Protein backbone atom coordinates (compact mmCIF):
# COMPACT_ATOMS: atom_id res chain seq x y z
CA MET A 1 -21.01 -54.09 26.11
CA ALA A 2 -20.52 -57.68 27.35
CA LEU A 3 -23.28 -58.95 24.99
CA ARG A 4 -21.65 -57.28 22.03
CA LEU A 5 -18.26 -58.77 22.89
CA GLN A 6 -19.89 -62.25 23.36
CA GLN A 7 -21.50 -61.87 19.87
CA GLU A 8 -18.30 -60.80 18.22
CA ALA A 9 -16.55 -63.75 19.79
CA MET A 10 -19.10 -66.09 18.09
CA VAL A 11 -18.45 -64.64 14.65
CA LYS A 12 -16.26 -66.84 12.45
CA PRO A 13 -12.99 -65.13 11.24
CA TYR A 14 -14.06 -65.63 7.58
CA GLU A 15 -17.23 -63.62 8.18
CA LYS A 16 -15.20 -60.47 8.58
CA MET A 17 -13.17 -61.11 5.51
CA THR A 18 -13.50 -59.76 2.00
CA LEU A 19 -13.83 -62.21 -0.88
CA ILE A 20 -10.20 -61.60 -1.76
CA GLN A 21 -9.00 -62.33 1.83
CA LEU A 22 -10.98 -65.46 1.85
CA LYS A 23 -9.25 -66.71 -1.28
CA GLU A 24 -5.79 -65.89 0.25
CA ALA A 25 -6.64 -67.70 3.53
CA GLU A 26 -8.10 -70.99 2.21
CA ASP A 27 -5.14 -73.10 3.45
CA GLU A 28 -5.81 -72.00 6.98
CA PHE A 29 -9.22 -73.47 7.24
CA ASP A 30 -10.34 -77.14 7.71
CA GLU A 31 -12.88 -79.02 5.58
CA GLU A 32 -15.80 -77.93 7.58
CA ASP A 33 -14.76 -74.34 7.51
CA MET A 34 -14.27 -74.58 3.70
CA ARG A 35 -17.83 -75.73 3.20
CA ALA A 36 -19.13 -72.85 5.32
CA ILE A 37 -16.79 -70.45 3.53
CA GLU A 38 -18.11 -71.52 0.12
CA THR A 39 -21.64 -70.96 1.29
CA TYR A 40 -20.68 -67.60 2.79
CA ARG A 41 -18.68 -66.63 -0.41
CA GLU A 42 -21.79 -67.44 -2.60
CA LYS A 43 -24.04 -65.33 -0.35
CA ARG A 44 -21.57 -62.40 -0.48
CA LEU A 45 -21.43 -62.66 -4.33
CA GLN A 46 -25.21 -62.52 -4.55
CA GLU A 47 -25.39 -59.54 -2.29
CA TRP A 48 -22.63 -57.87 -4.36
CA LYS A 49 -24.56 -58.60 -7.61
CA VAL A 50 -27.86 -57.26 -6.16
CA LEU A 51 -25.97 -54.07 -4.94
CA LYS A 52 -24.37 -53.55 -8.36
CA LYS A 53 -27.65 -54.00 -10.15
CA LYS A 54 -29.21 -51.26 -7.83
CA GLN A 55 -26.30 -48.99 -8.28
CA LYS A 56 -25.68 -49.35 -12.03
CA PHE A 57 -26.04 -45.65 -12.87
CA GLY A 58 -24.76 -42.91 -10.56
CA GLU A 59 -24.12 -40.23 -13.10
CA LEU A 60 -26.00 -37.75 -15.27
CA LYS A 61 -25.63 -39.15 -18.79
CA GLU A 62 -25.70 -37.09 -21.88
CA ILE A 63 -27.93 -38.56 -24.76
CA SER A 64 -29.09 -37.34 -28.14
CA GLY A 65 -32.45 -37.20 -29.57
CA ASN A 66 -32.09 -40.38 -31.54
CA GLN A 67 -31.26 -42.26 -28.24
CA TYR A 68 -34.35 -40.99 -26.54
CA VAL A 69 -36.65 -44.00 -27.21
CA ASN A 70 -34.03 -46.67 -26.20
CA GLU A 71 -32.62 -44.76 -23.18
CA VAL A 72 -35.91 -43.37 -21.77
CA THR A 73 -39.10 -44.64 -23.31
CA ASN A 74 -37.87 -48.27 -23.59
CA ALA A 75 -35.77 -48.29 -20.39
CA GLU A 76 -36.02 -51.56 -18.42
CA LYS A 77 -39.08 -52.42 -16.51
CA ASP A 78 -39.90 -50.62 -13.22
CA LEU A 79 -36.81 -48.27 -13.65
CA TRP A 80 -37.33 -44.54 -12.87
CA VAL A 81 -35.93 -42.37 -15.55
CA ILE A 82 -35.30 -38.61 -15.04
CA ILE A 83 -34.58 -36.72 -18.30
CA HIS A 84 -33.67 -33.06 -18.43
CA LEU A 85 -34.16 -31.11 -21.68
CA TYR A 86 -31.91 -28.15 -21.76
CA ARG A 87 -30.13 -25.37 -23.63
CA SER A 88 -26.62 -24.51 -22.42
CA SER A 89 -27.40 -20.79 -23.12
CA ILE A 90 -29.96 -20.83 -20.32
CA SER A 91 -28.37 -20.37 -16.86
CA MET A 92 -31.21 -22.25 -15.03
CA CYS A 93 -30.69 -25.21 -17.17
CA LEU A 94 -27.01 -25.30 -16.17
CA LEU A 95 -28.04 -25.14 -12.55
CA VAL A 96 -30.49 -27.98 -12.94
CA ASN A 97 -27.75 -30.04 -14.63
CA GLN A 98 -25.46 -29.37 -11.81
CA TYR A 99 -28.09 -30.55 -9.16
CA LEU A 100 -29.21 -33.50 -11.21
CA SER A 101 -25.48 -34.62 -11.23
CA VAL A 102 -25.45 -34.55 -7.46
CA LEU A 103 -28.70 -36.48 -7.21
CA ALA A 104 -27.60 -39.03 -9.75
CA ARG A 105 -24.59 -39.87 -7.43
CA LYS A 106 -26.89 -39.89 -4.44
CA PHE A 107 -29.62 -42.11 -6.14
CA PRO A 108 -27.66 -44.51 -8.35
CA GLU A 109 -30.66 -46.84 -8.50
CA ALA A 110 -32.46 -44.29 -10.79
CA LYS A 111 -31.42 -43.31 -14.22
CA PHE A 112 -30.62 -39.65 -14.75
CA VAL A 113 -30.04 -38.34 -18.31
CA LYS A 114 -29.93 -35.01 -20.14
CA ALA A 115 -30.40 -34.00 -23.64
CA ILE A 116 -30.09 -30.75 -25.60
CA VAL A 117 -33.74 -29.93 -26.36
CA ASP A 118 -33.15 -29.15 -30.09
CA SER A 119 -32.08 -32.75 -30.70
CA CYS A 120 -35.32 -33.99 -29.35
CA ILE A 121 -38.00 -31.32 -30.05
CA GLN A 122 -37.83 -28.78 -32.76
CA TYR A 123 -38.72 -25.10 -32.08
CA TYR A 124 -39.06 -25.75 -28.38
CA HIS A 125 -39.56 -22.38 -26.61
CA ASP A 126 -37.07 -21.03 -24.09
CA ASN A 127 -39.88 -20.27 -21.70
CA CYS A 128 -40.48 -23.94 -21.36
CA LEU A 129 -36.94 -24.57 -20.15
CA PRO A 130 -35.82 -26.24 -18.08
CA THR A 131 -37.99 -29.16 -18.73
CA ILE A 132 -37.76 -32.28 -16.62
CA PHE A 133 -39.70 -35.43 -17.48
CA VAL A 134 -39.92 -38.47 -15.01
CA TYR A 135 -40.56 -41.76 -16.72
CA LYS A 136 -41.42 -45.22 -15.58
CA ASN A 137 -42.40 -48.17 -17.78
CA GLY A 138 -42.46 -45.91 -20.79
CA GLN A 139 -44.95 -43.47 -19.26
CA ILE A 140 -44.48 -39.86 -18.08
CA GLU A 141 -45.27 -39.98 -14.39
CA ALA A 142 -44.44 -36.33 -13.79
CA GLN A 143 -43.22 -33.27 -15.64
CA PHE A 144 -41.74 -29.94 -14.54
CA ILE A 145 -41.84 -27.33 -17.35
CA GLY A 146 -40.20 -23.98 -17.07
CA ILE A 147 -38.40 -22.16 -14.26
CA THR A 148 -41.33 -21.86 -11.97
CA GLU A 149 -42.27 -25.50 -11.96
CA CYS A 150 -38.68 -26.64 -11.65
CA GLY A 151 -38.41 -24.68 -8.44
CA GLY A 152 -37.61 -21.02 -9.35
CA ILE A 153 -34.32 -19.19 -9.77
CA ASN A 154 -33.45 -19.73 -6.12
CA LEU A 155 -33.74 -23.53 -6.42
CA LYS A 156 -31.77 -25.55 -4.02
CA PRO A 157 -30.62 -29.15 -4.65
CA GLU A 158 -32.70 -30.36 -1.73
CA GLU A 159 -35.85 -28.79 -3.22
CA LEU A 160 -35.29 -30.69 -6.57
CA GLU A 161 -34.72 -33.85 -4.55
CA TRP A 162 -37.97 -33.35 -2.79
CA LYS A 163 -39.84 -32.87 -6.05
CA LEU A 164 -38.47 -36.21 -7.54
CA ALA A 165 -39.30 -37.91 -4.17
CA GLU A 166 -42.85 -36.71 -4.10
CA VAL A 167 -43.53 -38.50 -7.40
CA GLY A 168 -41.70 -41.65 -6.19
CA ALA A 169 -38.63 -41.47 -8.44
CA VAL A 170 -36.18 -41.45 -5.52
CA HIS A 171 -36.37 -42.51 -1.83
CA THR A 172 -35.25 -39.40 0.04
CA ASP A 173 -34.14 -39.05 3.62
CA LEU A 174 -35.54 -35.59 3.83
CA GLU A 175 -38.28 -35.37 6.45
CA GLU A 176 -40.21 -32.43 5.05
CA ASN A 177 -40.31 -30.18 2.03
CA PRO A 178 -37.21 -27.91 2.40
CA GLN A 179 -39.08 -25.15 0.55
CA LYS A 180 -41.79 -25.12 3.21
CA SER A 181 -39.62 -23.17 5.66
CA VAL A 182 -38.99 -20.59 2.96
CA GLU A 183 -42.70 -20.34 2.27
CA ASP A 184 -43.36 -19.97 5.93
CA MET A 185 -40.80 -17.23 6.24
CA LEU A 186 -42.45 -15.32 3.31
CA VAL A 187 -45.95 -15.75 4.78
CA SER A 188 -44.71 -14.61 8.11
CA SER A 189 -42.94 -11.55 6.53
CA ILE A 190 -46.10 -10.56 4.62
CA ARG A 191 -48.21 -10.86 7.72
CA ASN A 192 -45.83 -8.79 9.80
CA ALA A 193 -45.75 -6.15 7.04
CA CYS A 194 -49.57 -6.02 6.94
CA ILE A 195 -49.76 -5.71 10.68
CA TYR A 196 -47.14 -2.95 10.54
CA GLU A 197 -48.98 -1.05 7.89
CA ASP A 198 -52.29 -1.43 9.85
CA SER A 199 -50.58 -0.13 12.92
CA ASP A 200 -49.21 2.82 11.07
CA GLY A 201 -52.61 3.51 9.64
CA SER A 202 -54.31 3.50 13.01
CA ASN A 203 -51.66 5.87 14.45
CA SER A 204 -52.16 8.30 11.53
CA ASP A 205 -55.94 8.20 12.20
CA ASN A 206 -55.40 8.87 15.84
CA ASP A 207 -52.97 11.81 15.07
CA THR A 208 -55.52 13.28 12.68
CA LYS A 209 -58.18 13.21 15.37
């Protein structure tokens, strides 16, 4: 506690100020402070620019087929682009759009877009929807085609986040696959059912004897 108070006492007042507050308080500082403030202001501006560059997206953007190349294939270098091809008549597509909107806000450093599939690919079959392509530097790094590959009808947003994290498109704070617990429960239920059936079978054999 004492160390923290000592460290706070050593912090210059301007180091706790916003850029606007610094501008308003310029008359209160001496020449030495003003030089330090200018250096500090420049540092804060650079930090702000870096942050804005990283957080330049933050939403699920609708594009058309004729924007595909510019928005996806020719996106800037080293940028992860997640595109969802969908039809609004398919409920699973609407669910994926909903979850991608949430993930776009959570991971603004990645680019999330959606497009009505008919504007991009003619005669694309409903069985292949939803379709999610994950691009980087013009190349498809991963693809999830159809309900099963996208996570199934009981898909949760955390499961979709994990899928994107596994291919490197986002940096998740999830520590393990959220679908694993569901799979473990299913395996456990099947195992227990088998044991129960075996037990019933043994009892029936004993009764017969």
